[in-house]
Amino acid sequence: MGSKKLDDLISGNLRHFVFMALGFILVMGIAGVMVFFWILRGEQQVMVPPVQGMELTEALLELQSRRLNPYIRLRYSQSPFDRGLILEQGPIAGTFVKAGRRIELVVSQGTVINRVENFIGRNIDAVRLDLMTLTVGSGGPLLVLREPVMLDYSPETPGTIIQQSPVAGTDISGPTQLEFVVSRGPQQPLLTVPQLTGLPISNALEWIGETGVVFEFSVREPSGGESGETVVLQSPSAGTTVTANTVVNLTVTSPAALFENEVFGLFSHSMAPNPFPLPVRLEAVLPTGERRALVDVNFPGGRFTVPYRLPANSVLILSLLNREIHRETVREPEPDWFF
């Protein structure tokens, strides 16, 4: 009898435990389902960010941070400054969507060019830069400039485009070659050779910079009572009327004496010929760090020569259009040894 009661008691406790376990599992299952749906609902509540007007890279990063997938379409726009910007988006900003949703982005590929524009009157260098930015989709250049350009005398400023082919307004549907005729300035303008004989070298260089004559220097020792560092000969002579590209040859004398560690010499550098004179500057950087301008002049190219008197180890710097093209260090001449 006692054994039967014990068995009944154990069976009752076991059933109670099983029921409790099943209840716990049911509660945890319901909680898990609620958490799952809560997470799922959270994914559905991603808000679409405002990316219209952004650059494409910036917009992609923004969508990635929201777990949204971009779908990109390209379209021409009215302004070349729109290139690479988001023109439209869908769904619109502020819309709540499920994570992973595809967001459509309309991206500008710039303005569509279907006609040749009018380049006459523009500077050739500026046009070259503009043409580098024009492409056909992901292909090559849309407009290709035939080089070298043709040059002709004209009243227009040197470097100005005076003729073009194809003419402005010509329809284009693919890569097109452009041909330009560019002004080299007035035809053979005349000038009067200034009086340079008798001037110190520094004054002669100043006159050259102001009058724009093409020059070439040579150096010799003074003789017959001549002063040092002076222009003693010139050809053509002063007062002669010549064309602007005529070279005026100037002979100057070397100094009678130099200070210790000073060097007198003739700087010489060959430059490529240009269709019209370009700004050229020769300056020296002294061993102290001081910069000293020797000459500023418009020069058409050829042999560029300038006398100088400088401390040894100075550096001569030649610049064309404010860009350095040559430098060299002034050295003392090696001594002559006699045995």
Protein backbone atom coordinates (compact mmCIF):
# COMPACT_ATOMS: atom_id res chain seq x y z
CA MET A 1 0.00 0.00 0.00
CA GLY A 2 2.77 2.39 0.98
CA SER A 3 4.66 1.51 -2.21
CA LYS A 4 1.65 2.39 -4.41
CA LYS A 5 1.27 5.81 -2.81
CA LEU A 6 4.93 6.51 -3.38
CA ASP A 7 4.63 5.61 -7.06
CA ASP A 8 1.57 7.83 -7.46
CA LEU A 9 3.41 10.72 -5.80
CA ILE A 10 6.40 10.36 -8.10
CA SER A 11 4.22 10.12 -11.20
CA GLY A 12 2.34 13.27 -10.18
CA ASN A 13 5.53 15.23 -9.62
CA LEU A 14 6.93 14.02 -12.93
CA ARG A 15 3.81 15.12 -14.81
CA HIS A 16 3.99 18.48 -13.07
CA PHE A 17 7.63 18.89 -14.08
CA VAL A 18 6.89 17.92 -17.70
CA PHE A 19 4.02 20.41 -17.85
CA MET A 20 6.26 23.14 -16.44
CA ALA A 21 9.01 22.33 -18.98
CA LEU A 22 6.55 22.36 -21.86
CA GLY A 23 5.18 25.66 -20.66
CA PHE A 24 8.66 27.16 -20.48
CA ILE A 25 9.47 25.94 -24.00
CA LEU A 26 6.20 27.38 -25.30
CA VAL A 27 6.88 30.75 -23.68
CA MET A 28 10.43 30.87 -25.09
CA GLY A 29 9.14 29.88 -28.52
CA ILE A 30 6.57 32.65 -28.47
CA ALA A 31 9.25 35.10 -27.32
CA GLY A 32 11.57 33.96 -30.13
CA VAL A 33 8.84 34.41 -32.71
CA MET A 34 8.12 37.89 -31.34
CA VAL A 35 11.81 38.79 -31.51
CA PHE A 36 12.01 37.46 -35.10
CA PHE A 37 9.04 39.53 -36.21
CA TRP A 38 10.38 42.52 -34.31
CA ILE A 39 13.71 42.22 -36.19
CA LEU A 40 11.87 41.65 -39.47
CA ARG A 41 9.72 44.70 -38.81
CA GLY A 42 12.88 46.68 -38.00
CA GLU A 43 14.36 45.75 -41.40
CA GLN A 44 11.22 46.94 -43.10
CA GLN A 45 11.51 50.35 -41.49
CA VAL A 46 14.72 51.58 -43.19
CA MET A 47 14.25 55.18 -44.28
CA VAL A 48 15.39 56.20 -47.77
CA PRO A 49 18.00 59.00 -47.38
CA PRO A 50 17.98 62.20 -49.51
CA VAL A 51 20.74 61.66 -52.10
CA GLN A 52 19.46 63.86 -54.94
CA GLY A 53 22.12 66.48 -55.73
CA MET A 54 24.92 64.40 -54.22
CA GLU A 55 27.93 63.12 -56.15
CA LEU A 56 27.53 59.47 -57.11
CA THR A 57 30.25 58.16 -54.78
CA GLU A 58 28.79 60.01 -51.80
CA ALA A 59 25.29 58.72 -52.59
CA LEU A 60 26.45 55.11 -52.86
CA LEU A 61 28.13 55.28 -49.45
CA GLU A 62 24.97 56.74 -47.95
CA LEU A 63 22.78 53.95 -49.38
CA GLN A 64 25.26 51.30 -48.28
CA SER A 65 25.08 52.55 -44.69
CA ARG A 66 21.26 52.00 -44.82
CA ARG A 67 21.59 48.52 -46.42
CA LEU A 68 19.91 49.71 -49.60
CA ASN A 69 20.92 48.61 -53.11
CA PRO A 70 21.44 51.23 -55.86
CA TYR A 71 20.20 50.84 -59.43
CA ILE A 72 21.86 53.43 -61.69
CA ARG A 73 20.57 55.02 -64.90
CA LEU A 74 22.53 57.61 -66.89
CA ARG A 75 20.98 60.68 -68.49
CA TYR A 76 22.21 63.83 -70.20
CA SER A 77 21.44 67.10 -68.43
CA GLN A 78 21.38 70.81 -69.30
CA SER A 79 24.53 71.85 -67.43
CA PRO A 80 28.07 70.45 -67.79
CA PHE A 81 28.51 71.07 -64.05
CA ASP A 82 25.90 68.35 -63.30
CA ARG A 83 28.20 65.57 -64.52
CA GLY A 84 28.34 62.78 -61.90
CA LEU A 85 25.53 64.21 -59.74
CA ILE A 86 22.28 62.45 -58.76
CA LEU A 87 19.44 64.10 -60.70
CA GLU A 88 16.55 61.97 -59.38
CA GLN A 89 15.94 59.15 -56.91
CA GLY A 90 13.14 56.67 -56.33
CA PRO A 91 11.58 56.06 -53.88
CA ILE A 92 11.79 59.65 -52.69
CA ALA A 93 13.70 60.62 -49.55
CA GLY A 94 11.88 59.86 -46.29
CA THR A 95 10.11 56.74 -47.58
CA PHE A 96 10.31 53.68 -45.26
CA VAL A 97 11.30 50.51 -47.13
CA LYS A 98 12.62 47.04 -46.35
CA ALA A 99 16.41 46.67 -46.02
CA GLY A 100 17.87 45.43 -49.28
CA ARG A 101 15.33 47.38 -51.34
CA ARG A 102 16.56 48.61 -54.73
CA ILE A 103 16.82 52.42 -54.96
CA GLU A 104 16.84 53.90 -58.44
CA LEU A 105 19.36 56.70 -59.07
CA VAL A 106 19.39 58.87 -62.20
CA VAL A 107 22.94 60.15 -62.70
CA SER A 108 23.98 63.00 -65.01
CA GLN A 109 26.58 62.23 -67.67
CA GLY A 110 26.87 65.91 -68.57
CA THR A 111 25.51 67.79 -71.52
CA VAL A 112 24.93 66.14 -74.85
CA ILE A 113 26.91 67.78 -77.64
CA ASN A 114 25.49 67.30 -81.12
CA ARG A 115 26.83 70.36 -82.93
CA VAL A 116 30.25 71.95 -83.33
CA GLU A 117 30.40 75.16 -81.34
CA ASN A 118 31.95 78.45 -82.45
CA PHE A 119 35.62 78.53 -81.38
CA ILE A 120 36.59 81.62 -83.38
CA GLY A 121 37.86 84.41 -81.14
CA ARG A 122 38.88 82.06 -78.32
CA ASN A 123 42.44 81.36 -77.14
CA ILE A 124 43.87 78.12 -78.50
CA ASP A 125 45.30 77.00 -75.13
CA ALA A 126 41.96 77.46 -73.35
CA VAL A 127 40.18 75.46 -76.09
CA ARG A 128 42.72 72.63 -75.78
CA LEU A 129 41.86 72.30 -72.08
CA ASP A 130 38.10 72.30 -72.79
CA LEU A 131 38.40 69.61 -75.46
CA MET A 132 40.12 67.27 -73.01
CA THR A 133 36.93 67.10 -70.90
CA LEU A 134 34.57 66.09 -73.75
CA THR A 135 34.06 62.34 -74.21
CA VAL A 136 31.55 60.06 -75.90
CA GLY A 137 30.10 57.95 -73.05
CA SER A 138 32.95 55.82 -71.78
CA GLY A 139 34.80 56.07 -75.10
CA GLY A 140 37.46 58.42 -76.35
CA PRO A 141 37.48 62.16 -77.04
CA LEU A 142 34.42 63.63 -78.72
CA LEU A 143 36.30 66.43 -80.51
CA VAL A 144 39.92 65.85 -81.53
CA LEU A 145 42.19 68.78 -82.40
CA ARG A 146 44.50 68.27 -85.36
CA GLU A 147 48.05 69.20 -84.38
CA PRO A 148 50.04 71.20 -85.15
CA VAL A 149 47.57 74.00 -85.68
CA MET A 150 48.05 76.29 -88.69
CA LEU A 151 49.35 79.80 -88.02
CA ASP A 152 48.73 83.01 -89.93
CA TYR A 153 49.36 86.72 -89.46
CA SER A 154 46.32 88.59 -88.19
CA PRO A 155 45.42 91.77 -86.28
CA GLU A 156 44.03 89.47 -83.57
CA THR A 157 46.01 88.80 -80.39
CA PRO A 158 48.60 86.02 -80.92
CA GLY A 159 47.08 82.65 -80.00
CA THR A 160 43.52 83.63 -81.03
CA ILE A 161 41.59 81.17 -83.23
CA ILE A 162 40.67 82.98 -86.49
CA GLN A 163 39.33 80.06 -88.60
CA GLN A 164 37.87 76.63 -87.85
CA SER A 165 36.72 73.50 -89.67
CA PRO A 166 34.06 72.10 -89.41
CA VAL A 167 32.25 75.42 -89.11
CA ALA A 168 30.11 76.26 -86.07
CA GLY A 169 26.73 74.53 -86.10
CA THR A 170 27.86 71.42 -87.99
CA ASP A 171 26.01 68.31 -86.74
CA ILE A 172 28.19 65.66 -85.09
CA SER A 173 27.28 62.15 -83.97
CA GLY A 174 30.68 60.78 -83.03
CA PRO A 175 34.39 61.63 -82.71
CA THR A 176 35.14 64.63 -84.96
CA GLN A 177 38.48 66.20 -85.95
CA LEU A 178 38.81 69.97 -85.61
CA GLU A 179 41.21 72.10 -87.64
CA PHE A 180 42.10 75.63 -86.51
CA VAL A 181 43.99 78.56 -87.98
CA VAL A 182 45.55 80.56 -85.15
CA SER A 183 46.75 84.17 -85.19
CA ARG A 184 50.46 84.81 -84.83
CA GLY A 185 49.88 88.54 -84.50
CA PRO A 186 50.16 91.41 -87.01
CA GLN A 187 52.16 90.63 -90.13
CA GLN A 188 55.79 91.56 -89.70
CA PRO A 189 55.27 94.69 -87.55
CA LEU A 190 58.04 97.25 -87.94
CA LEU A 191 60.08 98.85 -85.19
CA THR A 192 63.03 101.20 -84.92
CA VAL A 193 66.22 99.82 -83.42
CA PRO A 194 67.01 101.76 -80.25
CA GLN A 195 70.38 103.32 -79.46
CA LEU A 196 72.05 100.74 -77.22
CA THR A 197 75.73 101.44 -77.91
CA GLY A 198 77.35 103.13 -74.92
CA LEU A 199 74.82 101.83 -72.39
CA PRO A 200 75.86 99.70 -69.40
CA ILE A 201 74.71 96.10 -69.79
CA SER A 202 71.96 96.45 -67.14
CA ASN A 203 70.49 99.50 -68.92
CA ALA A 204 70.64 97.76 -72.29
CA LEU A 205 68.72 94.78 -70.88
CA GLU A 206 66.08 97.14 -69.50
CA TRP A 207 65.68 98.81 -72.92
CA ILE A 208 65.38 95.41 -74.60
CA GLY A 209 62.58 94.42 -72.23
CA GLU A 210 60.67 97.62 -73.01
CA THR A 211 61.12 97.71 -76.80
CA GLY A 212 60.71 93.99 -77.50
CA VAL A 213 63.64 93.63 -79.92
CA VAL A 214 65.10 90.17 -80.48
CA PHE A 215 68.71 90.19 -79.33
CA GLU A 216 71.89 88.15 -79.12
CA PHE A 217 74.96 89.08 -77.04
CA SER A 218 78.65 88.42 -77.48
CA VAL A 219 81.49 89.38 -75.12
CA ARG A 220 85.05 90.62 -75.67
CA GLU A 221 87.78 92.34 -73.68
CA PRO A 222 87.69 96.21 -73.62
CA SER A 223 90.19 97.97 -75.87
CA GLY A 224 91.19 101.50 -76.85
CA GLY A 225 89.89 103.10 -73.65
CA GLU A 226 86.50 101.33 -73.73
CA SER A 227 84.62 100.95 -70.45
CA GLY A 228 83.95 97.53 -69.02
CA GLU A 229 80.44 95.97 -68.95
CA THR A 230 79.25 98.29 -71.74
CA VAL A 231 77.63 97.82 -75.14
CA VAL A 232 80.32 98.82 -77.64
CA LEU A 233 78.81 97.56 -80.93
CA GLN A 234 75.34 96.89 -82.30
CA SER A 235 73.98 95.64 -85.60
CA PRO A 236 71.69 96.84 -87.13
CA SER A 237 72.63 100.36 -86.05
CA ALA A 238 70.39 102.64 -84.02
CA GLY A 239 67.53 104.25 -85.93
CA THR A 240 67.23 101.42 -88.48
CA THR A 241 63.65 100.31 -89.23
CA VAL A 242 63.38 96.52 -89.05
CA THR A 243 60.70 93.84 -88.73
CA ALA A 244 59.92 92.68 -85.21
CA ASN A 245 61.69 89.34 -85.65
CA THR A 246 65.02 90.90 -86.69
CA VAL A 247 67.88 89.89 -84.36
CA VAL A 248 69.91 92.80 -82.99
CA ASN A 249 73.49 91.65 -82.31
CA LEU A 250 75.12 93.37 -79.34
CA THR A 251 78.79 93.21 -78.38
CA VAL A 252 79.61 94.02 -74.74
CA THR A 253 82.90 94.30 -72.90
CA SER A 254 83.91 92.25 -69.89
CA PRO A 255 84.62 94.00 -66.54
CA ALA A 256 87.98 95.61 -65.96
CA ALA A 257 88.16 93.82 -62.60
CA LEU A 258 86.11 91.48 -60.41
CA PHE A 259 85.72 91.16 -56.67
CA GLU A 260 86.85 87.98 -54.95
CA ASN A 261 84.50 85.03 -55.65
CA GLU A 262 82.77 86.99 -58.46
CA VAL A 263 82.20 85.55 -61.91
CA PHE A 264 81.45 87.31 -65.20
CA GLY A 265 80.04 85.20 -68.00
CA LEU A 266 77.54 84.85 -70.83
CA PHE A 267 74.46 82.74 -70.16
CA SER A 268 73.37 80.87 -73.27
CA HIS A 269 70.46 78.49 -73.82
CA SER A 270 68.75 77.34 -77.03
CA MET A 271 64.95 77.57 -76.94
CA ALA A 272 62.43 76.05 -79.33
CA PRO A 273 61.05 78.58 -81.82
CA ASN A 274 57.55 79.92 -81.07
CA PRO A 275 55.04 81.33 -83.56
CA PHE A 276 54.92 84.51 -81.47
CA PRO A 277 57.04 85.96 -78.61
CA LEU A 278 56.39 84.50 -75.15
CA PRO A 279 57.33 85.92 -71.72
CA VAL A 280 60.83 84.80 -70.73
CA ARG A 281 62.58 85.59 -67.45
CA LEU A 282 66.17 85.01 -66.32
CA GLU A 283 66.89 85.41 -62.63
CA ALA A 284 69.69 84.50 -60.25
CA VAL A 285 69.48 82.98 -56.78
CA LEU A 286 72.56 84.16 -54.88
CA PRO A 287 74.35 81.98 -52.29
CA THR A 288 72.66 84.15 -49.63
CA GLY A 289 69.23 83.12 -50.93
CA GLU A 290 68.51 86.53 -52.47
CA ARG A 291 66.72 86.41 -55.86
CA ARG A 292 67.85 88.90 -58.49
CA ALA A 293 66.03 89.43 -61.82
CA LEU A 294 68.44 89.84 -64.74
CA VAL A 295 65.98 90.30 -67.60
CA ASP A 296 62.24 90.04 -68.39
CA VAL A 297 61.46 90.03 -72.09
CA ASN A 298 59.12 88.60 -74.73
CA PHE A 299 61.22 86.19 -76.79
CA PRO A 300 60.26 84.19 -79.92
CA GLY A 301 62.73 81.37 -79.37
CA GLY A 302 66.20 80.58 -80.62
CA ARG A 303 69.52 81.25 -78.85
CA PHE A 304 68.89 83.20 -75.65
CA THR A 305 72.01 84.98 -74.37
CA VAL A 306 72.46 87.30 -71.39
CA PRO A 307 75.71 88.60 -69.80
CA TYR A 308 75.92 88.29 -66.01
CA ARG A 309 78.18 89.30 -63.11
CA LEU A 310 77.39 87.26 -60.01
CA PRO A 311 78.93 85.69 -56.90
CA ALA A 312 80.28 82.21 -57.54
CA ASN A 313 77.78 79.37 -56.84
CA SER A 314 74.80 81.53 -57.72
CA VAL A 315 72.06 79.64 -59.60
CA LEU A 316 70.68 80.97 -62.87
CA ILE A 317 67.01 80.07 -63.53
CA LEU A 318 65.37 80.48 -66.95
CA SER A 319 61.55 80.51 -67.03
CA LEU A 320 59.07 80.48 -69.92
CA LEU A 321 55.47 81.53 -69.16
CA ASN A 322 56.38 81.47 -65.44
CA ARG A 323 57.49 77.83 -65.71
CA GLU A 324 61.12 76.91 -65.10
CA ILE A 325 62.74 75.32 -68.14
CA HIS A 326 66.46 75.43 -67.29
CA ARG A 327 68.83 76.11 -64.41
CA GLU A 328 72.59 76.08 -64.00
CA THR A 329 75.12 77.00 -61.32
CA VAL A 330 77.68 79.76 -61.82
CA ARG A 331 81.16 78.32 -61.26
CA GLU A 332 84.53 80.03 -60.98
CA PRO A 333 86.74 79.21 -63.98
CA GLU A 334 89.46 76.65 -63.39
CA PRO A 335 92.87 78.34 -62.88
CA ASP A 336 95.48 78.04 -65.63
CA TRP A 337 98.64 76.25 -64.47
CA PHE A 338 101.97 76.98 -66.12
CA PHE A 339 105.06 74.90 -65.52
